[in-house]
Amino acid sequence: MCSHTPAYFRFLHAPSLTHISNTRGDSTPLSGHPFTTTQSNLSDADRASLNITASHLRRSVGLEDKTDLSADLDSALAAMG
């Protein structure tokens, strides 16, 4: 990923266990960017009134071992720079 890529996108793409998705209906760990996905249909004013910014991320965990999930999160945070 390029150094000019926003940190939140580097965070989303770094983990090896976590998938980028809004929901899958299963126990897979997920990361998402509400600003460009689930909340993208809102106007800028509505997102602002709800305090939804481009830097917000959504993360849910699955059934993986907590050590693996922690390492995955650490790698995502490290990718942010």
PDB file of N, CA and C in Angstrom:
ATOM      1  N   MET A   1       0.815  -1.168   0.000  1.00  0.00           N
ATOM      2  CA  MET A   1       0.000   0.000   0.000  1.00  0.00           C
ATOM      3  C   MET A   1       0.867   1.243   0.000  1.00  0.00           C
ATOM      4  N   CYS A   2       0.485   2.257  -0.691  1.00  0.00           N
ATOM      5  CA  CYS A   2       1.250   3.493  -0.788  1.00  0.00           C
ATOM      6  C   CYS A   2       1.254   4.245   0.537  1.00  0.00           C
ATOM      7  N   SER A   3       2.315   4.997   0.765  1.00  0.00           N
ATOM      8  CA  SER A   3       2.421   5.755   2.004  1.00  0.00           C
ATOM      9  C   SER A   3       1.370   6.854   2.103  1.00  0.00           C
ATOM     10  N   HIS A   4       0.825   7.307   0.968  1.00  0.00           N
ATOM     11  CA  HIS A   4      -0.198   8.347   1.014  1.00  0.00           C
ATOM     12  C   HIS A   4      -1.608   7.781   1.215  1.00  0.00           C
ATOM     13  N   THR A   5      -1.744   6.456   1.293  1.00  0.00           N
ATOM     14  CA  THR A   5      -3.028   5.838   1.571  1.00  0.00           C
ATOM     15  C   THR A   5      -3.417   6.185   3.006  1.00  0.00           C
ATOM     16  N   PRO A   6      -4.666   6.609   3.227  1.00  0.00           N
ATOM     17  CA  PRO A   6      -5.069   6.947   4.587  1.00  0.00           C
ATOM     18  C   PRO A   6      -4.805   5.813   5.567  1.00  0.00           C
ATOM     19  N   ALA A   7      -4.426   6.178   6.775  1.00  0.00           N
ATOM     20  CA  ALA A   7      -4.073   5.193   7.802  1.00  0.00           C
ATOM     21  C   ALA A   7      -5.210   4.212   8.060  1.00  0.00           C
ATOM     22  N   TYR A   8      -6.462   4.678   8.019  1.00  0.00           N
ATOM     23  CA  TYR A   8      -7.559   3.767   8.311  1.00  0.00           C
ATOM     24  C   TYR A   8      -7.693   2.682   7.255  1.00  0.00           C
ATOM     25  N   PHE A   9      -7.352   2.984   5.979  1.00  0.00           N
ATOM     26  CA  PHE A   9      -7.386   1.942   4.962  1.00  0.00           C
ATOM     27  C   PHE A   9      -6.210   0.981   5.118  1.00  0.00           C
ATOM     28  N   ARG A  10      -5.062   1.467   5.541  1.00  0.00           N
ATOM     29  CA  ARG A  10      -3.935   0.566   5.825  1.00  0.00           C
ATOM     30  C   ARG A  10      -4.312  -0.371   6.968  1.00  0.00           C
ATOM     31  N   PHE A  11      -5.043   0.145   7.980  1.00  0.00           N
ATOM     32  CA  PHE A  11      -5.523  -0.665   9.098  1.00  0.00           C
ATOM     33  C   PHE A  11      -6.452  -1.765   8.596  1.00  0.00           C
ATOM     34  N   LEU A  12      -7.367  -1.414   7.710  1.00  0.00           N
ATOM     35  CA  LEU A  12      -8.332  -2.389   7.211  1.00  0.00           C
ATOM     36  C   LEU A  12      -7.695  -3.495   6.386  1.00  0.00           C
ATOM     37  N   HIS A  13      -6.653  -3.168   5.631  1.00  0.00           N
ATOM     38  CA  HIS A  13      -6.053  -4.139   4.715  1.00  0.00           C
ATOM     39  C   HIS A  13      -4.922  -4.961   5.327  1.00  0.00           C
ATOM     40  N   ALA A  14      -4.433  -4.593   6.499  1.00  0.00           N
ATOM     41  CA  ALA A  14      -3.278  -5.278   7.087  1.00  0.00           C
ATOM     42  C   ALA A  14      -3.578  -6.639   7.709  1.00  0.00           C
ATOM     43  N   PRO A  15      -4.677  -6.819   8.421  1.00  0.00           N
ATOM     44  CA  PRO A  15      -4.881  -8.093   9.126  1.00  0.00           C
ATOM     45  C   PRO A  15      -4.984  -9.285   8.187  1.00  0.00           C
ATOM     46  N   SER A  16      -4.513 -10.417   8.682  1.00  0.00           N
ATOM     47  CA  SER A  16      -4.615 -11.634   7.882  1.00  0.00           C
ATOM     48  C   SER A  16      -5.851 -12.451   8.261  1.00  0.00           C
ATOM     49  N   LEU A  17      -6.350 -12.303   9.484  1.00  0.00           N
ATOM     50  CA  LEU A  17      -7.522 -13.060   9.915  1.00  0.00           C
ATOM     51  C   LEU A  17      -8.828 -12.350   9.598  1.00  0.00           C
ATOM     52  N   THR A  18      -8.786 -11.049   9.575  1.00  0.00           N
ATOM     53  CA  THR A  18      -9.997 -10.249   9.468  1.00  0.00           C
ATOM     54  C   THR A  18     -10.329  -9.921   8.024  1.00  0.00           C
ATOM     55  N   HIS A  19     -11.594 -10.052   7.689  1.00  0.00           N
ATOM     56  CA  HIS A  19     -12.075  -9.734   6.355  1.00  0.00           C
ATOM     57  C   HIS A  19     -12.734  -8.366   6.365  1.00  0.00           C
ATOM     58  N   ILE A  20     -12.697  -7.676   5.243  1.00  0.00           N
ATOM     59  CA  ILE A  20     -13.377  -6.392   5.117  1.00  0.00           C
ATOM     60  C   ILE A  20     -14.787  -6.674   4.624  1.00  0.00           C
ATOM     61  N   SER A  21     -15.769  -6.327   5.449  1.00  0.00           N
ATOM     62  CA  SER A  21     -17.159  -6.582   5.096  1.00  0.00           C
ATOM     63  C   SER A  21     -18.062  -5.848   6.075  1.00  0.00           C
ATOM     64  N   ASN A  22     -19.306  -5.650   5.684  1.00  0.00           N
ATOM     65  CA  ASN A  22     -20.290  -5.074   6.598  1.00  0.00           C
ATOM     66  C   ASN A  22     -20.826  -6.144   7.530  1.00  0.00           C
ATOM     67  N   THR A  23     -21.213  -7.277   6.978  1.00  0.00           N
ATOM     68  CA  THR A  23     -21.701  -8.402   7.766  1.00  0.00           C
ATOM     69  C   THR A  23     -21.702  -9.644   6.884  1.00  0.00           C
ATOM     70  N   ARG A  24     -21.491 -10.746   7.513  1.00  0.00           N
ATOM     71  CA  ARG A  24     -21.541 -12.019   6.780  1.00  0.00           C
ATOM     72  C   ARG A  24     -22.527 -12.980   7.414  1.00  0.00           C
ATOM     73  N   GLY A  25     -22.962 -12.671   8.623  1.00  0.00           N
ATOM     74  CA  GLY A  25     -23.884 -13.561   9.311  1.00  0.00           C
ATOM     75  C   GLY A  25     -23.214 -14.816   9.838  1.00  0.00           C
ATOM     76  N   ASP A  26     -21.896 -14.765  10.017  1.00  0.00           N
ATOM     77  CA  ASP A  26     -21.203 -15.920  10.571  1.00  0.00           C
ATOM     78  C   ASP A  26     -20.198 -15.450  11.620  1.00  0.00           C
ATOM     79  N   SER A  27     -19.278 -16.312  11.989  1.00  0.00           N
ATOM     80  CA  SER A  27     -18.347 -16.008  13.072  1.00  0.00           C
ATOM     81  C   SER A  27     -16.976 -15.534  12.586  1.00  0.00           C
ATOM     82  N   THR A  28     -16.910 -15.013  11.382  1.00  0.00           N
ATOM     83  CA  THR A  28     -15.664 -14.509  10.817  1.00  0.00           C
ATOM     84  C   THR A  28     -15.359 -13.124  11.380  1.00  0.00           C
ATOM     85  N   PRO A  29     -14.118 -12.864  11.794  1.00  0.00           N
ATOM     86  CA  PRO A  29     -13.791 -11.506  12.248  1.00  0.00           C
ATOM     87  C   PRO A  29     -13.855 -10.535  11.065  1.00  0.00           C
ATOM     88  N   LEU A  30     -14.432  -9.364  11.305  1.00  0.00           N
ATOM     89  CA  LEU A  30     -14.654  -8.402  10.229  1.00  0.00           C
ATOM     90  C   LEU A  30     -14.151  -7.017  10.611  1.00  0.00           C
ATOM     91  N   SER A  31     -13.761  -6.262   9.613  1.00  0.00           N
ATOM     92  CA  SER A  31     -13.460  -4.844   9.760  1.00  0.00           C
ATOM     93  C   SER A  31     -14.235  -4.111   8.679  1.00  0.00           C
ATOM     94  N   GLY A  32     -14.659  -2.907   9.005  1.00  0.00           N
ATOM     95  CA  GLY A  32     -15.390  -2.138   8.027  1.00  0.00           C
ATOM     96  C   GLY A  32     -15.139  -0.653   8.178  1.00  0.00           C
ATOM     97  N   HIS A  33     -15.494   0.076   7.142  1.00  0.00           N
ATOM     98  CA  HIS A  33     -15.341   1.520   7.102  1.00  0.00           C
ATOM     99  C   HIS A  33     -16.727   2.113   6.865  1.00  0.00           C
ATOM    100  N   PRO A  34     -17.497   2.385   7.950  1.00  0.00           N
ATOM    101  CA  PRO A  34     -18.875   2.835   7.817  1.00  0.00           C
ATOM    102  C   PRO A  34     -19.059   4.065   6.930  1.00  0.00           C
ATOM    103  N   PHE A  35     -18.093   4.973   6.930  1.00  0.00           N
ATOM    104  CA  PHE A  35     -18.197   6.203   6.156  1.00  0.00           C
ATOM    105  C   PHE A  35     -18.405   5.917   4.672  1.00  0.00           C
ATOM    106  N   THR A  36     -17.764   4.854   4.164  1.00  0.00           N
ATOM    107  CA  THR A  36     -17.870   4.530   2.742  1.00  0.00           C
ATOM    108  C   THR A  36     -18.742   3.308   2.460  1.00  0.00           C
ATOM    109  N   THR A  37     -19.316   2.710   3.517  1.00  0.00           N
ATOM    110  CA  THR A  37     -20.149   1.532   3.295  1.00  0.00           C
ATOM    111  C   THR A  37     -21.543   1.763   3.880  1.00  0.00           C
ATOM    112  N   THR A  38     -21.777   1.306   5.102  1.00  0.00           N
ATOM    113  CA  THR A  38     -23.126   1.322   5.681  1.00  0.00           C
ATOM    114  C   THR A  38     -23.709   2.714   5.854  1.00  0.00           C
ATOM    115  N   GLN A  39     -22.878   3.727   6.039  1.00  0.00           N
ATOM    116  CA  GLN A  39     -23.373   5.087   6.257  1.00  0.00           C
ATOM    117  C   GLN A  39     -23.142   5.989   5.042  1.00  0.00           C
ATOM    118  N   SER A  40     -22.731   5.412   3.927  1.00  0.00           N
ATOM    119  CA  SER A  40     -22.424   6.219   2.743  1.00  0.00           C
ATOM    120  C   SER A  40     -23.660   6.862   2.125  1.00  0.00           C
ATOM    121  N   ASN A  41     -24.838   6.328   2.425  1.00  0.00           N
ATOM    122  CA  ASN A  41     -26.065   6.899   1.873  1.00  0.00           C
ATOM    123  C   ASN A  41     -26.516   8.152   2.627  1.00  0.00           C
ATOM    124  N   LEU A  42     -25.908   8.448   3.777  1.00  0.00           N
ATOM    125  CA  LEU A  42     -26.265   9.638   4.553  1.00  0.00           C
ATOM    126  C   LEU A  42     -25.617  10.880   3.951  1.00  0.00           C
ATOM    127  N   SER A  43     -26.263  11.984   4.124  1.00  0.00           N
ATOM    128  CA  SER A  43     -25.669  13.247   3.680  1.00  0.00           C
ATOM    129  C   SER A  43     -24.508  13.592   4.598  1.00  0.00           C
ATOM    130  N   ASP A  44     -23.655  14.482   4.140  1.00  0.00           N
ATOM    131  CA  ASP A  44     -22.537  14.930   4.979  1.00  0.00           C
ATOM    132  C   ASP A  44     -23.055  15.514   6.285  1.00  0.00           C
ATOM    133  N   ALA A  45     -24.142  16.262   6.217  1.00  0.00           N
ATOM    134  CA  ALA A  45     -24.717  16.872   7.423  1.00  0.00           C
ATOM    135  C   ALA A  45     -25.230  15.805   8.396  1.00  0.00           C
ATOM    136  N   ASP A  46     -25.881  14.775   7.864  1.00  0.00           N
ATOM    137  CA  ASP A  46     -26.375  13.702   8.731  1.00  0.00           C
ATOM    138  C   ASP A  46     -25.225  12.934   9.380  1.00  0.00           C
ATOM    139  N   ARG A  47     -24.189  12.624   8.586  1.00  0.00           N
ATOM    140  CA  ARG A  47     -23.029  11.940   9.173  1.00  0.00           C
ATOM    141  C   ARG A  47     -22.394  12.807  10.251  1.00  0.00           C
ATOM    142  N   ALA A  48     -22.288  14.100   9.993  1.00  0.00           N
ATOM    143  CA  ALA A  48     -21.698  15.009  10.986  1.00  0.00           C
ATOM    144  C   ALA A  48     -22.547  15.053  12.251  1.00  0.00           C
ATOM    145  N   SER A  49     -23.867  15.058  12.114  1.00  0.00           N
ATOM    146  CA  SER A  49     -24.738  15.110  13.297  1.00  0.00           C
ATOM    147  C   SER A  49     -24.632  13.831  14.122  1.00  0.00           C
ATOM    148  N   LEU A  50     -24.246  12.739  13.479  1.00  0.00           N
ATOM    149  CA  LEU A  50     -24.063  11.457  14.166  1.00  0.00           C
ATOM    150  C   LEU A  50     -22.606  11.208  14.562  1.00  0.00           C
ATOM    151  N   ASN A  51     -21.747  12.191  14.295  1.00  0.00           N
ATOM    152  CA  ASN A  51     -20.306  12.084  14.582  1.00  0.00           C
ATOM    153  C   ASN A  51     -19.650  10.919  13.855  1.00  0.00           C
ATOM    154  N   ILE A  52     -20.083  10.636  12.646  1.00  0.00           N
ATOM    155  CA  ILE A  52     -19.478   9.596  11.813  1.00  0.00           C
ATOM    156  C   ILE A  52     -18.475  10.288  10.895  1.00  0.00           C
ATOM    157  N   THR A  53     -17.213   9.960  11.069  1.00  0.00           N
ATOM    158  CA  THR A  53     -16.170  10.581  10.262  1.00  0.00           C
ATOM    159  C   THR A  53     -15.453   9.526   9.429  1.00  0.00           C
ATOM    160  N   ALA A  54     -14.632   9.980   8.516  1.00  0.00           N
ATOM    161  CA  ALA A  54     -13.868   9.070   7.654  1.00  0.00           C
ATOM    162  C   ALA A  54     -12.869   8.241   8.449  1.00  0.00           C
ATOM    163  N   SER A  55     -12.544   8.662   9.661  1.00  0.00           N
ATOM    164  CA  SER A  55     -11.560   7.908  10.450  1.00  0.00           C
ATOM    165  C   SER A  55     -12.197   6.825  11.324  1.00  0.00           C
ATOM    166  N   HIS A  56     -13.512   6.696  11.312  1.00  0.00           N
ATOM    167  CA  HIS A  56     -14.168   5.650  12.097  1.00  0.00           C
ATOM    168  C   HIS A  56     -14.010   4.286  11.424  1.00  0.00           C
ATOM    169  N   LEU A  57     -13.726   3.295  12.246  1.00  0.00           N
ATOM    170  CA  LEU A  57     -13.630   1.916  11.783  1.00  0.00           C
ATOM    171  C   LEU A  57     -14.533   1.052  12.641  1.00  0.00           C
ATOM    172  N   ARG A  58     -15.019  -0.016  12.064  1.00  0.00           N
ATOM    173  CA  ARG A  58     -15.829  -0.983  12.806  1.00  0.00           C
ATOM    174  C   ARG A  58     -15.089  -2.310  12.767  1.00  0.00           C
ATOM    175  N   ARG A  59     -14.978  -2.935  13.918  1.00  0.00           N
ATOM    176  CA  ARG A  59     -14.269  -4.216  13.982  1.00  0.00           C
ATOM    177  C   ARG A  59     -15.079  -5.163  14.846  1.00  0.00           C
ATOM    178  N   SER A  60     -15.286  -6.366  14.378  1.00  0.00           N
ATOM    179  CA  SER A  60     -15.936  -7.403  15.179  1.00  0.00           C
ATOM    180  C   SER A  60     -15.055  -8.637  15.155  1.00  0.00           C
ATOM    181  N   VAL A  61     -15.064  -9.362  16.253  1.00  0.00           N
ATOM    182  CA  VAL A  61     -14.213 -10.548  16.350  1.00  0.00           C
ATOM    183  C   VAL A  61     -15.040 -11.800  16.120  1.00  0.00           C
ATOM    184  N   GLY A  62     -14.350 -12.855  15.725  1.00  0.00           N
ATOM    185  CA  GLY A  62     -14.996 -14.133  15.479  1.00  0.00           C
ATOM    186  C   GLY A  62     -14.677 -15.115  16.592  1.00  0.00           C
ATOM    187  N   LEU A  63     -14.438 -16.340  16.212  1.00  0.00           N
ATOM    188  CA  LEU A  63     -14.182 -17.399  17.182  1.00  0.00           C
ATOM    189  C   LEU A  63     -12.708 -17.791  17.260  1.00  0.00           C
ATOM    190  N   GLU A  64     -11.833 -16.986  16.678  1.00  0.00           N
ATOM    191  CA  GLU A  64     -10.406 -17.300  16.686  1.00  0.00           C
ATOM    192  C   GLU A  64      -9.850 -17.183  18.102  1.00  0.00           C
ATOM    193  N   ASP A  65      -8.712 -17.784  18.282  1.00  0.00           N
ATOM    194  CA  ASP A  65      -8.022 -17.691  19.569  1.00  0.00           C
ATOM    195  C   ASP A  65      -7.692 -16.231  19.867  1.00  0.00           C
ATOM    196  N   LYS A  66      -7.840 -15.831  21.133  1.00  0.00           N
ATOM    197  CA  LYS A  66      -7.614 -14.426  21.489  1.00  0.00           C
ATOM    198  C   LYS A  66      -6.182 -13.983  21.206  1.00  0.00           C
ATOM    199  N   THR A  67      -5.224 -14.888  21.285  1.00  0.00           N
ATOM    200  CA  THR A  67      -3.838 -14.540  20.970  1.00  0.00           C
ATOM    201  C   THR A  67      -3.691 -14.212  19.489  1.00  0.00           C
ATOM    202  N   ASP A  68      -4.344 -14.992  18.641  1.00  0.00           N
ATOM    203  CA  ASP A  68      -4.308 -14.737  17.200  1.00  0.00           C
ATOM    204  C   ASP A  68      -4.998 -13.419  16.851  1.00  0.00           C
ATOM    205  N   LEU A  69      -6.149 -13.162  17.480  1.00  0.00           N
ATOM    206  CA  LEU A  69      -6.868 -11.911  17.235  1.00  0.00           C
ATOM    207  C   LEU A  69      -6.056 -10.708  17.689  1.00  0.00           C
ATOM    208  N   SER A  70      -5.391 -10.845  18.831  1.00  0.00           N
ATOM    209  CA  SER A  70      -4.555  -9.754  19.347  1.00  0.00           C
ATOM    210  C   SER A  70      -3.387  -9.475  18.403  1.00  0.00           C
ATOM    211  N   ALA A  71      -2.748 -10.526  17.912  1.00  0.00           N
ATOM    212  CA  ALA A  71      -1.635 -10.355  16.972  1.00  0.00           C
ATOM    213  C   ALA A  71      -2.123  -9.722  15.669  1.00  0.00           C
ATOM    214  N   ASP A  72      -3.307 -10.112  15.224  1.00  0.00           N
ATOM    215  CA  ASP A  72      -3.881  -9.559  14.007  1.00  0.00           C
ATOM    216  C   ASP A  72      -4.167  -8.058  14.179  1.00  0.00           C
ATOM    217  N   LEU A  73      -4.709  -7.698  15.330  1.00  0.00           N
ATOM    218  CA  LEU A  73      -4.976  -6.287  15.612  1.00  0.00           C
ATOM    219  C   LEU A  73      -3.666  -5.501  15.709  1.00  0.00           C
ATOM    220  N   ASP A  74      -2.657  -6.085  16.351  1.00  0.00           N
ATOM    221  CA  ASP A  74      -1.352  -5.430  16.444  1.00  0.00           C
ATOM    222  C   ASP A  74      -0.784  -5.146  15.058  1.00  0.00           C
ATOM    223  N   SER A  75      -0.917  -6.091  14.135  1.00  0.00           N
ATOM    224  CA  SER A  75      -0.382  -5.880  12.786  1.00  0.00           C
ATOM    225  C   SER A  75      -1.146  -4.774  12.064  1.00  0.00           C
ATOM    226  N   ALA A  76      -2.444  -4.701  12.295  1.00  0.00           N
ATOM    227  CA  ALA A  76      -3.242  -3.639  11.675  1.00  0.00           C
ATOM    228  C   ALA A  76      -2.863  -2.272  12.230  1.00  0.00           C
ATOM    229  N   LEU A  77      -2.668  -2.192  13.534  1.00  0.00           N
ATOM    230  CA  LEU A  77      -2.264  -0.929  14.142  1.00  0.00           C
ATOM    231  C   LEU A  77      -0.874  -0.502  13.667  1.00  0.00           C
ATOM    232  N   ALA A  78       0.027  -1.467  13.542  1.00  0.00           N
ATOM    233  CA  ALA A  78       1.376  -1.171  13.068  1.00  0.00           C
ATOM    234  C   ALA A  78       1.343  -0.645  11.619  1.00  0.00           C
ATOM    235  N   ALA A  79       0.419  -1.159  10.823  1.00  0.00           N
ATOM    236  CA  ALA A  79       0.323  -0.735   9.423  1.00  0.00           C
ATOM    237  C   ALA A  79      -0.123   0.719   9.294  1.00  0.00           C
ATOM    238  N   MET A  80      -0.754   1.227  10.336  1.00  0.00           N
ATOM    239  CA  MET A  80      -1.229   2.620  10.297  1.00  0.00           C
ATOM    240  C   MET A  80      -0.066   3.605  10.351  1.00  0.00           C
ATOM    241  N   GLY A  81       1.077   3.120  10.834  1.00  0.00           N
ATOM    242  CA  GLY A  81       2.254   3.982  10.865  1.00  0.00           C
ATOM    243  C   GLY A  81       2.395   4.740  12.070  1.00  0.00           C
TER     244      GLY A  81
END
